[in-house]
Amino acid sequence: MSIELDHLMVPALDQRAAARLLGTLLGVPWAESGLGPFSPVYVSDHLTLDFIDDTAPLPVNHYCFRVSEAEFDQILARIRQAGIKFRSAVHGGDDMQVSHAFGGRLVYWSEPDGHAWEMLTVSYARPPDA
């Protein structure tokens, strides 16, 4: 059996709002409540993001989604429609540009809790033969 990431817990000031926003942008199912105290976003058949309310100072986390070219266009259209600013680099200002680095397309955006989200069509995290 290969090892797969099953779920991650994502701290939020308003778990339902954060789950709703991400689920809507990605075009995937989400729920106000799930097992335990979570608002889950069902990213794929193999990955769930469990948003949870947290009143402590939230750490800023980075989450990256690899998507197809068609999914990239659909998600970027929803980001634009929602009026969410995005950028072509992990750091820097919201330049509303798509990066074409690494042989694909990628964008970054931040959500109200400060987490940095990334969407790309070609992974640069590891060489193809790894």
Protein backbone atom coordinates (compact mmCIF):
# COMPACT_ATOMS: atom_id res chain seq x y z
CA MET A 1 0.00 0.00 0.00
CA SER A 2 1.25 3.48 -0.78
CA ILE A 3 1.07 6.17 1.86
CA GLU A 4 -1.45 8.92 1.19
CA LEU A 5 -2.28 12.02 3.16
CA ASP A 6 -5.87 11.52 4.37
CA HIS A 7 -6.75 14.76 6.14
CA LEU A 8 -5.33 17.93 7.67
CA MET A 9 -6.71 20.14 10.41
CA VAL A 10 -6.87 23.82 9.40
CA PRO A 11 -7.27 26.35 12.21
CA ALA A 12 -9.72 29.19 11.51
CA LEU A 13 -11.41 32.04 13.32
CA ASP A 14 -14.71 30.99 11.69
CA GLN A 15 -14.44 27.40 10.53
CA ARG A 16 -17.74 27.38 8.63
CA ALA A 17 -16.95 30.55 6.68
CA ALA A 18 -13.44 29.35 5.88
CA ALA A 19 -14.66 25.90 4.78
CA ARG A 20 -17.45 27.43 2.69
CA LEU A 21 -15.03 29.81 0.95
CA LEU A 22 -12.45 27.16 0.08
CA GLY A 23 -15.05 24.58 -0.97
CA THR A 24 -16.74 27.14 -3.18
CA LEU A 25 -13.48 28.32 -4.78
CA LEU A 26 -12.28 24.77 -5.45
CA GLY A 27 -15.73 23.66 -6.58
CA VAL A 28 -15.75 20.72 -4.16
CA PRO A 29 -18.22 19.60 -1.46
CA TRP A 30 -17.96 20.93 2.06
CA ALA A 31 -20.12 20.67 5.19
CA GLU A 32 -20.87 22.95 8.12
CA SER A 33 -20.17 20.01 10.42
CA GLY A 34 -18.66 16.57 10.19
CA LEU A 35 -17.32 14.00 12.59
CA GLY A 36 -16.04 15.76 15.65
CA PRO A 37 -15.87 19.55 15.89
CA PHE A 38 -14.90 20.12 12.25
CA SER A 39 -16.25 21.75 9.10
CA PRO A 40 -14.79 19.48 6.40
CA VAL A 41 -13.86 20.33 2.82
CA TYR A 42 -13.74 17.19 0.68
CA VAL A 43 -10.89 18.16 -1.65
CA SER A 44 -10.78 14.76 -3.35
CA ASP A 45 -11.61 11.12 -2.71
CA HIS A 46 -8.32 10.95 -0.82
CA LEU A 47 -8.03 14.26 1.04
CA THR A 48 -10.23 16.14 3.52
CA LEU A 49 -9.37 19.48 5.09
CA ASP A 50 -10.99 19.71 8.53
CA PHE A 51 -11.46 23.36 9.50
CA ILE A 52 -11.68 23.96 13.23
CA ASP A 53 -12.40 27.10 15.24
CA ASP A 54 -9.37 28.34 17.12
CA THR A 55 -9.17 31.52 19.16
CA ALA A 56 -5.43 31.34 19.77
CA PRO A 57 -3.12 33.30 17.50
CA LEU A 58 -3.31 31.31 14.28
CA PRO A 59 -0.17 30.00 12.63
CA VAL A 60 0.05 30.86 8.95
CA ASN A 61 0.06 27.63 6.99
CA HIS A 62 0.67 27.00 3.30
CA TYR A 63 -1.48 24.56 1.32
CA CYS A 64 -0.90 23.72 -2.34
CA PHE A 65 -3.29 22.01 -4.76
CA ARG A 66 -2.15 20.41 -8.02
CA VAL A 67 -4.95 20.65 -10.56
CA SER A 68 -5.53 20.04 -14.26
CA GLU A 69 -5.39 22.89 -16.76
CA ALA A 70 -9.21 22.92 -16.99
CA GLU A 71 -9.59 22.93 -13.18
CA PHE A 72 -7.05 25.76 -12.96
CA ASP A 73 -9.15 27.91 -15.31
CA GLN A 74 -12.37 27.13 -13.41
CA ILE A 75 -10.90 27.81 -9.96
CA LEU A 76 -9.15 31.00 -11.10
CA ALA A 77 -12.46 32.22 -12.55
CA ARG A 78 -14.15 31.62 -9.16
CA ILE A 79 -11.30 33.43 -7.35
CA ARG A 80 -11.72 36.41 -9.68
CA GLN A 81 -15.53 36.32 -9.39
CA ALA A 82 -15.23 36.37 -5.58
CA GLY A 83 -12.99 39.45 -5.83
CA ILE A 84 -10.09 37.68 -4.12
CA LYS A 85 -6.67 39.15 -4.83
CA PHE A 86 -3.98 36.74 -5.96
CA ARG A 87 -0.31 36.81 -6.84
CA SER A 88 2.25 35.06 -8.99
CA ALA A 89 4.85 34.62 -6.22
CA VAL A 90 4.72 33.17 -2.73
CA HIS A 91 5.91 36.49 -1.26
CA GLY A 92 5.11 39.96 -2.45
CA GLY A 93 2.12 41.97 -3.46
CA ASP A 94 -1.07 40.81 -5.09
CA ASP A 95 -0.13 41.42 -8.72
CA MET A 96 -3.19 39.59 -10.13
CA GLN A 97 -0.83 37.65 -12.40
CA VAL A 98 -0.42 33.93 -13.15
CA SER A 99 3.12 32.55 -13.00
CA HIS A 100 4.33 30.30 -15.80
CA ALA A 101 7.36 29.07 -13.87
CA PHE A 102 8.33 25.42 -13.69
CA GLY A 103 6.58 24.40 -16.91
CA GLY A 104 3.02 25.08 -15.81
CA ARG A 105 0.80 27.74 -14.29
CA LEU A 106 0.50 28.73 -10.64
CA VAL A 107 -1.10 31.34 -8.40
CA TYR A 108 -1.15 32.09 -4.69
CA TRP A 109 -3.88 33.73 -2.61
CA SER A 110 -4.46 34.35 1.07
CA GLU A 111 -7.69 33.92 2.95
CA PRO A 112 -9.03 35.92 5.91
CA ASP A 113 -7.21 33.80 8.52
CA GLY A 114 -3.89 34.45 6.76
CA HIS A 115 -3.25 30.98 5.34
CA ALA A 116 -1.49 30.97 1.98
CA TRP A 117 -3.15 28.84 -0.69
CA GLU A 118 -1.42 27.80 -3.89
CA MET A 119 -2.75 26.21 -7.06
CA LEU A 120 -0.49 24.81 -9.76
CA THR A 121 -0.68 22.62 -12.84
CA VAL A 122 2.85 21.18 -12.68
CA SER A 123 4.48 20.24 -9.38
CA TYR A 124 7.91 21.68 -8.65
CA ALA A 125 8.12 20.02 -5.22
CA ARG A 126 10.02 16.99 -6.47
CA PRO A 127 11.73 15.84 -9.66
CA PRO A 128 9.55 13.69 -11.96
CA ASP A 129 11.57 10.55 -11.22
CA ALA A 130 11.41 10.87 -7.40
